[in-house]
Structures are given as structure tokens and as C-alpha cells.
């Protein structure tokens, strides 16, 4: 069982930056693939970025070159650095942990990109 708590969301202007963090507890953090997903109003939840236990990353095309994911296994945290934000990046961002056939979700944090 893994508990995930996101933080760092907020309101930012287009072109701005924001950093999200996710703190995990309850299990061995280093074995999990960690990811970030987002859900815009009226749309389905979509994949953003992930980082494997070995440090390999995957990224949605829409955020390549703008968003970066990193993890700190010693602190059991995963971060999402978001730059050059666009209004279409607005949504609730969810932290995800995955291991074999199981996955866990955080409660989400709101990111709003607007002038």
C-alpha cells in the first residue's frame, strides 16, 4: 500500500513555471514507477510523464522540452518541473505509483494557467 500526497499547484501566468511535488509513504518507494497524470475540465485523465525505478523517463508529446520529472528515492519524493506553461496545461495533476499490476493515486493538485 502506498499513500501519495501532491503539493505545489496554483495559479500561474502563461509562460511561467511551477514545480509540483509528490511525497510517498507506506512502502519501498524505490521499486515503483512514478508518474504524473492530469485531467482538464470535461476531459479524461491523461498521461504526462513517468520515471521508472531505474530512472528512465517517458513523456507525453505535448510536454516534451517543457516538463521534467525527477525522483529522490532517499526522500521518497517525485517532482514535476513545469516550464513555459500554456493555458492548455490547466487541470488537476495527479501523482501515480505503479508496481507490476497495482497502482495508487494521490488526491490531485490544481494547476491553473491563466492571465
Protein backbone atom coordinates (compact mmCIF):
# COMPACT_ATOMS: atom_id res chain seq x y z
CA UNK A 1 0.00 0.00 0.00
CA UNK A 2 1.28 3.44 -0.96
CA UNK A 3 -0.01 6.83 0.16
CA UNK A 4 0.69 9.74 -2.16
CA UNK A 5 0.32 13.43 -1.36
CA UNK A 6 0.81 16.12 -4.00
CA UNK A 7 1.71 19.73 -3.38
CA UNK A 8 2.77 22.82 -5.31
CA UNK A 9 -0.21 23.58 -7.51
CA UNK A 10 -1.57 27.05 -8.04
CA UNK A 11 -2.28 29.86 -10.47
CA UNK A 12 0.45 30.88 -12.92
CA UNK A 13 0.55 33.12 -15.97
CA UNK A 14 1.20 31.73 -19.45
CA UNK A 15 4.93 31.29 -19.98
CA UNK A 16 5.51 30.84 -16.27
CA UNK A 17 6.87 27.93 -14.28
CA UNK A 18 5.62 25.73 -11.48
CA UNK A 19 7.04 22.81 -9.54
CA UNK A 20 4.86 20.00 -8.20
CA UNK A 21 5.98 17.52 -5.59
CA UNK A 22 4.61 14.18 -4.51
CA UNK A 23 5.52 12.58 -1.20
CA UNK A 24 5.07 8.84 -0.85
CA UNK A 25 4.79 6.78 2.28
CA UNK A 26 3.91 3.30 3.33
CA UNK A 27 6.15 1.14 1.18
CA UNK A 28 9.51 0.81 -0.54
CA UNK A 29 9.46 3.85 -2.80
CA UNK A 30 12.43 2.92 -4.99
CA UNK A 31 10.73 -0.07 -6.61
CA UNK A 32 7.84 1.92 -8.06
CA UNK A 33 7.46 3.55 -11.41
CA UNK A 34 6.27 7.05 -10.56
CA UNK A 35 4.20 9.16 -12.87
CA UNK A 36 2.20 12.33 -13.27
CA UNK A 37 -1.18 12.49 -14.96
CA UNK A 38 -3.55 15.38 -15.45
CA UNK A 39 -7.23 15.91 -16.05
CA UNK A 40 -8.64 19.02 -17.64
CA UNK A 41 -12.28 20.02 -17.09
CA UNK A 42 -14.57 17.86 -19.19
CA UNK A 43 -11.73 15.63 -20.39
CA UNK A 44 -10.32 12.25 -19.49
CA UNK A 45 -7.24 11.88 -17.34
CA UNK A 46 -4.12 11.76 -19.47
CA UNK A 47 -0.51 10.67 -19.03
CA UNK A 48 2.10 13.41 -18.64
CA UNK A 49 5.43 11.95 -17.55
CA UNK A 50 6.81 8.90 -15.77
CA UNK A 51 10.10 7.77 -14.28
CA UNK A 52 10.98 4.14 -13.69
CA UNK A 53 12.79 2.63 -10.73
CA UNK A 54 15.94 2.67 -12.87
CA UNK A 55 15.50 6.36 -13.71
CA UNK A 56 14.26 6.01 -17.27
CA UNK A 57 11.66 8.59 -18.27
CA UNK A 58 8.72 8.76 -20.64
CA UNK A 59 6.93 11.89 -21.70
CA UNK A 60 3.76 12.88 -23.47
CA UNK A 61 4.50 14.69 -26.73
CA UNK A 62 2.56 17.74 -25.57
CA UNK A 63 5.00 18.47 -22.74
CA UNK A 64 8.34 17.40 -24.24
CA UNK A 65 11.00 20.03 -23.75
CA UNK A 66 8.88 21.90 -21.21
CA UNK A 67 8.24 19.48 -18.33
CA UNK A 68 10.79 17.40 -16.42
CA UNK A 69 10.25 14.60 -13.93
CA UNK A 70 12.72 13.60 -11.23
CA UNK A 71 12.74 11.39 -8.17
CA UNK A 72 14.59 11.29 -4.86
CA UNK A 73 14.47 7.77 -3.51
CA UNK A 74 16.10 8.79 -0.23
CA UNK A 75 13.24 11.23 0.44
CA UNK A 76 10.52 9.14 -1.26
CA UNK A 77 9.51 12.04 -3.45
CA UNK A 78 8.90 12.66 -7.12
CA UNK A 79 8.80 16.11 -8.65
CA UNK A 80 7.42 17.66 -11.80
CA UNK A 81 9.13 20.79 -13.08
CA UNK A 82 6.88 22.66 -15.49
CA UNK A 83 8.19 25.48 -17.67
CA UNK A 84 6.73 27.57 -20.49
CA UNK A 85 3.27 26.79 -19.22
CA UNK A 86 0.31 27.18 -21.54
CA UNK A 87 -3.40 27.60 -20.79
CA UNK A 88 -3.97 24.08 -22.12
CA UNK A 89 -1.79 22.76 -19.28
CA UNK A 90 -4.57 23.69 -16.87
CA UNK A 91 -6.03 20.80 -14.91
CA UNK A 92 -5.79 18.66 -11.83
CA UNK A 93 -2.42 16.93 -11.65
CA UNK A 94 -2.25 13.51 -10.07
CA UNK A 95 0.73 11.59 -8.78
CA UNK A 96 0.77 7.89 -9.60
CA UNK A 97 2.76 4.92 -8.31
CA UNK A 98 2.83 1.67 -10.23
CA UNK A 99 4.28 -1.74 -9.47
CA UNK A 100 3.52 -4.84 -11.54
CA UNK A 101 -0.29 -4.95 -11.69
CA UNK A 102 -1.02 -2.45 -8.93
CA UNK A 103 -1.18 1.32 -8.93
CA UNK A 104 -2.02 4.06 -6.47
CA UNK A 105 -3.12 7.68 -6.88
CA UNK A 106 -2.79 10.87 -4.95
CA UNK A 107 -5.70 13.22 -4.38
CA UNK A 108 -4.52 15.67 -7.03
CA UNK A 109 -3.44 19.29 -7.07
CA UNK A 110 -4.94 22.05 -9.22
CA UNK A 111 -2.80 23.87 -11.77
CA UNK A 112 -4.34 26.85 -13.50
CA UNK A 113 -2.52 28.69 -16.29
CA UNK A 114 -4.24 31.97 -16.97
CA UNK A 115 -3.52 35.66 -17.36
